[in-house]
Amino acid sequence: MKIKKFKKEIFQITFLIFFAFMIFLDRTYSPENLNQYNDYIKGVAGERSVPISDFRSDGCSLWPEGFLGVSWEGYCVEHDIKYWLGGTDEERQKADEELRDNINKVFPGMGDIVYLGVRLGGKSLIPFSWGWENKK
């Protein structure tokens, strides 16, 4: 019984340290570092107008950009672009599913965890700066 309790306490402490690290670490990329995504932005936007505000990303918000030498950061930035552009609820669902599927291709199972986070934390009802906006 003591071993189970010890494992639980280690998990809780590790989770708290990880969560605090992810919240307080400033990982925002400036628009200058994101020039490589200009063509991607134009492709995703299509006929829609691009928002006036500069695009900014923090990679995988409140989540690591990779694990054990496998990176999925680029997929998170592409997902952030889709959130910045906004759109319909169906477009948000598609963006979240694409993020899940892309991450699962490089690290099976991780995309499912990320998907839960973006579905819960990505709606504008929660006052995060990265929330989905219903713009058309």
C-alpha atoms as a PDB file:
ATOM      1  CA  MET A   1       0.000   0.000   0.000  1.00  0.00           C
ATOM      2  CA  LYS A   2       2.819   2.411   0.803  1.00  0.00           C
ATOM      3  CA  ILE A   3       4.330   1.929  -2.651  1.00  0.00           C
ATOM      4  CA  LYS A   4       1.062   2.904  -4.374  1.00  0.00           C
ATOM      5  CA  LYS A   5       0.761   6.001  -2.201  1.00  0.00           C
ATOM      6  CA  PHE A   6       4.389   6.909  -2.900  1.00  0.00           C
ATOM      7  CA  LYS A   7       3.861   6.532  -6.672  1.00  0.00           C
ATOM      8  CA  LYS A   8       0.760   8.691  -6.460  1.00  0.00           C
ATOM      9  CA  GLU A   9       2.633  11.422  -4.571  1.00  0.00           C
ATOM     10  CA  ILE A  10       5.530  11.334  -7.053  1.00  0.00           C
ATOM     11  CA  PHE A  11       3.055  11.640  -9.925  1.00  0.00           C
ATOM     12  CA  GLN A  12       1.284  14.582  -8.273  1.00  0.00           C
ATOM     13  CA  ILE A  13       4.527  16.445  -7.573  1.00  0.00           C
ATOM     14  CA  THR A  14       5.806  15.799 -11.107  1.00  0.00           C
ATOM     15  CA  PHE A  15       2.500  17.007 -12.565  1.00  0.00           C
ATOM     16  CA  LEU A  16       2.554  20.206 -10.482  1.00  0.00           C
ATOM     17  CA  ILE A  17       6.141  21.001 -11.475  1.00  0.00           C
ATOM     18  CA  PHE A  18       5.373  20.305 -15.138  1.00  0.00           C
ATOM     19  CA  PHE A  19       2.185  22.396 -15.058  1.00  0.00           C
ATOM     20  CA  ALA A  20       3.916  25.342 -13.337  1.00  0.00           C
ATOM     21  CA  PHE A  21       6.768  25.155 -15.847  1.00  0.00           C
ATOM     22  CA  MET A  22       4.353  25.229 -18.785  1.00  0.00           C
ATOM     23  CA  ILE A  23       2.368  28.187 -17.405  1.00  0.00           C
ATOM     24  CA  PHE A  24       5.261  30.437 -16.464  1.00  0.00           C
ATOM     25  CA  LEU A  25       7.567  29.715 -19.385  1.00  0.00           C
ATOM     26  CA  ASP A  26       7.301  32.432 -22.024  1.00  0.00           C
ATOM     27  CA  ARG A  27       7.289  30.536 -25.292  1.00  0.00           C
ATOM     28  CA  THR A  28       5.715  33.136 -27.557  1.00  0.00           C
ATOM     29  CA  TYR A  29       7.310  33.324 -30.962  1.00  0.00           C
ATOM     30  CA  SER A  30       7.467  36.749 -32.564  1.00  0.00           C
ATOM     31  CA  PRO A  31       6.074  37.227 -36.065  1.00  0.00           C
ATOM     32  CA  GLU A  32       9.624  37.555 -37.434  1.00  0.00           C
ATOM     33  CA  ASN A  33      10.318  33.942 -36.457  1.00  0.00           C
ATOM     34  CA  LEU A  34       7.128  32.829 -38.153  1.00  0.00           C
ATOM     35  CA  ASN A  35       7.876  34.016 -41.706  1.00  0.00           C
ATOM     36  CA  GLN A  36       8.158  30.389 -42.783  1.00  0.00           C
ATOM     37  CA  TYR A  37       4.401  30.061 -42.221  1.00  0.00           C
ATOM     38  CA  ASN A  38       3.298  32.938 -44.501  1.00  0.00           C
ATOM     39  CA  ASP A  39       2.401  30.659 -47.411  1.00  0.00           C
ATOM     40  CA  TYR A  40       0.621  28.282 -45.058  1.00  0.00           C
ATOM     41  CA  ILE A  41      -1.432  31.178 -43.647  1.00  0.00           C
ATOM     42  CA  LYS A  42      -2.455  32.272 -47.149  1.00  0.00           C
ATOM     43  CA  GLY A  43      -3.416  28.703 -48.041  1.00  0.00           C
ATOM     44  CA  VAL A  44      -5.538  28.178 -44.943  1.00  0.00           C
ATOM     45  CA  ALA A  45      -7.165  31.613 -45.160  1.00  0.00           C
ATOM     46  CA  GLY A  46      -8.180  31.107 -48.774  1.00  0.00           C
ATOM     47  CA  GLU A  47     -10.674  33.824 -49.674  1.00  0.00           C
ATOM     48  CA  ARG A  48     -11.109  34.961 -46.073  1.00  0.00           C
ATOM     49  CA  SER A  49      -9.430  38.107 -44.896  1.00  0.00           C
ATOM     50  CA  VAL A  50      -6.482  37.734 -42.560  1.00  0.00           C
ATOM     51  CA  PRO A  51      -6.959  39.324 -39.102  1.00  0.00           C
ATOM     52  CA  ILE A  52      -5.414  42.744 -38.564  1.00  0.00           C
ATOM     53  CA  SER A  53      -3.536  41.611 -35.465  1.00  0.00           C
ATOM     54  CA  ASP A  54      -0.136  39.998 -35.976  1.00  0.00           C
ATOM     55  CA  PHE A  55      -0.061  36.251 -35.700  1.00  0.00           C
ATOM     56  CA  ARG A  56       1.645  34.972 -32.566  1.00  0.00           C
ATOM     57  CA  SER A  57       2.115  31.435 -31.344  1.00  0.00           C
ATOM     58  CA  ASP A  58       3.500  29.767 -28.275  1.00  0.00           C
ATOM     59  CA  GLY A  59       3.766  26.388 -29.952  1.00  0.00           C
ATOM     60  CA  CYS A  60       1.801  23.800 -28.015  1.00  0.00           C
ATOM     61  CA  SER A  61       0.028  25.919 -25.397  1.00  0.00           C
ATOM     62  CA  LEU A  62       0.531  24.476 -21.905  1.00  0.00           C
ATOM     63  CA  TRP A  63       1.961  21.286 -23.405  1.00  0.00           C
ATOM     64  CA  PRO A  64       5.439  20.127 -24.436  1.00  0.00           C
ATOM     65  CA  GLU A  65       6.407  20.503 -28.097  1.00  0.00           C
ATOM     66  CA  GLY A  66       7.828  17.008 -28.184  1.00  0.00           C
ATOM     67  CA  PHE A  67       8.996  14.037 -26.183  1.00  0.00           C
ATOM     68  CA  LEU A  68      11.853  11.541 -26.456  1.00  0.00           C
ATOM     69  CA  GLY A  69      13.319  13.304 -29.492  1.00  0.00           C
ATOM     70  CA  VAL A  70      10.004  13.423 -31.376  1.00  0.00           C
ATOM     71  CA  SER A  71       8.649  16.909 -32.129  1.00  0.00           C
ATOM     72  CA  TRP A  72       5.126  17.967 -33.008  1.00  0.00           C
ATOM     73  CA  GLU A  73       5.677  21.696 -32.523  1.00  0.00           C
ATOM     74  CA  GLY A  74       5.073  22.546 -36.192  1.00  0.00           C
ATOM     75  CA  TYR A  75       1.626  20.962 -36.021  1.00  0.00           C
ATOM     76  CA  CYS A  76       0.815  23.112 -32.977  1.00  0.00           C
ATOM     77  CA  VAL A  77       1.875  26.303 -34.780  1.00  0.00           C
ATOM     78  CA  GLU A  78      -0.264  25.339 -37.785  1.00  0.00           C
ATOM     79  CA  HIS A  79      -3.159  24.720 -35.372  1.00  0.00           C
ATOM     80  CA  ASP A  80      -2.566  28.138 -33.788  1.00  0.00           C
ATOM     81  CA  ILE A  81      -2.806  29.701 -37.246  1.00  0.00           C
ATOM     82  CA  LYS A  82      -6.208  28.111 -37.753  1.00  0.00           C
ATOM     83  CA  TYR A  83      -7.371  29.415 -34.361  1.00  0.00           C
ATOM     84  CA  TRP A  84      -6.050  32.884 -35.187  1.00  0.00           C
ATOM     85  CA  LEU A  85      -8.008  32.879 -38.450  1.00  0.00           C
ATOM     86  CA  GLY A  86     -11.123  31.543 -36.730  1.00  0.00           C
ATOM     87  CA  GLY A  87     -14.192  30.328 -38.537  1.00  0.00           C
ATOM     88  CA  THR A  88     -17.188  28.106 -37.969  1.00  0.00           C
ATOM     89  CA  ASP A  89     -17.557  25.504 -35.240  1.00  0.00           C
ATOM     90  CA  GLU A  90     -17.126  22.850 -37.934  1.00  0.00           C
ATOM     91  CA  GLU A  91     -13.815  24.409 -38.991  1.00  0.00           C
ATOM     92  CA  ARG A  92     -12.664  24.383 -35.373  1.00  0.00           C
ATOM     93  CA  GLN A  93     -13.608  20.711 -35.060  1.00  0.00           C
ATOM     94  CA  LYS A  94     -11.654  19.942 -38.240  1.00  0.00           C
ATOM     95  CA  ALA A  95      -8.607  21.911 -37.046  1.00  0.00           C
ATOM     96  CA  ASP A  96      -8.611  20.051 -33.722  1.00  0.00           C
ATOM     97  CA  GLU A  97      -9.014  16.664 -35.418  1.00  0.00           C
ATOM     98  CA  GLU A  98      -6.150  17.428 -37.843  1.00  0.00           C
ATOM     99  CA  LEU A  99      -3.906  18.354 -34.909  1.00  0.00           C
ATOM    100  CA  ARG A 100      -4.819  15.097 -33.156  1.00  0.00           C
ATOM    101  CA  ASP A 101      -4.228  12.989 -36.249  1.00  0.00           C
ATOM    102  CA  ASN A 102      -0.908  14.663 -37.129  1.00  0.00           C
ATOM    103  CA  ILE A 103       0.503  14.258 -33.622  1.00  0.00           C
ATOM    104  CA  ASN A 104      -0.688  10.646 -33.463  1.00  0.00           C
ATOM    105  CA  LYS A 105       1.285   9.959 -36.673  1.00  0.00           C
ATOM    106  CA  VAL A 106       4.571  10.921 -34.987  1.00  0.00           C
ATOM    107  CA  PHE A 107       3.748   9.823 -31.410  1.00  0.00           C
ATOM    108  CA  PRO A 108       0.760   7.435 -31.184  1.00  0.00           C
ATOM    109  CA  GLY A 109      -1.669   8.304 -28.382  1.00  0.00           C
ATOM    110  CA  MET A 110      -0.241  11.759 -27.662  1.00  0.00           C
ATOM    111  CA  GLY A 111      -2.558  13.372 -30.208  1.00  0.00           C
ATOM    112  CA  ASP A 112      -5.570  12.003 -28.338  1.00  0.00           C
ATOM    113  CA  ILE A 113      -4.413  13.681 -25.133  1.00  0.00           C
ATOM    114  CA  VAL A 114      -3.702  16.978 -26.920  1.00  0.00           C
ATOM    115  CA  TYR A 115      -7.114  16.753 -28.605  1.00  0.00           C
ATOM    116  CA  LEU A 116      -8.875  16.647 -25.233  1.00  0.00           C
ATOM    117  CA  GLY A 117      -6.975  19.758 -24.167  1.00  0.00           C
ATOM    118  CA  VAL A 118      -7.802  21.783 -27.261  1.00  0.00           C
ATOM    119  CA  ARG A 119     -11.446  20.787 -27.171  1.00  0.00           C
ATOM    120  CA  LEU A 120     -11.742  21.829 -23.520  1.00  0.00           C
ATOM    121  CA  GLY A 121      -9.465  24.872 -23.552  1.00  0.00           C
ATOM    122  CA  GLY A 122      -9.916  26.229 -27.043  1.00  0.00           C
ATOM    123  CA  LYS A 123     -13.389  27.717 -26.880  1.00  0.00           C
ATOM    124  CA  SER A 124     -13.707  31.434 -26.185  1.00  0.00           C
ATOM    125  CA  LEU A 125     -15.913  30.747 -23.162  1.00  0.00           C
ATOM    126  CA  ILE A 126     -12.675  30.244 -21.252  1.00  0.00           C
ATOM    127  CA  PRO A 127     -10.669  33.495 -21.087  1.00  0.00           C
ATOM    128  CA  PHE A 128      -7.474  32.255 -22.728  1.00  0.00           C
ATOM    129  CA  SER A 129      -5.812  34.375 -25.391  1.00  0.00           C
ATOM    130  CA  TRP A 130      -5.715  31.443 -27.801  1.00  0.00           C
ATOM    131  CA  GLY A 131      -9.461  30.746 -27.942  1.00  0.00           C
ATOM    132  CA  TRP A 132     -11.318  30.075 -31.175  1.00  0.00           C
ATOM    133  CA  GLU A 133     -13.223  33.005 -32.560  1.00  0.00           C
ATOM    134  CA  ASN A 134     -16.326  32.541 -34.679  1.00  0.00           C
ATOM    135  CA  LYS A 135     -15.201  34.717 -37.568  1.00  0.00           C
ATOM    136  CA  LYS A 136     -16.191  34.140 -41.156  1.00  0.00           C
END
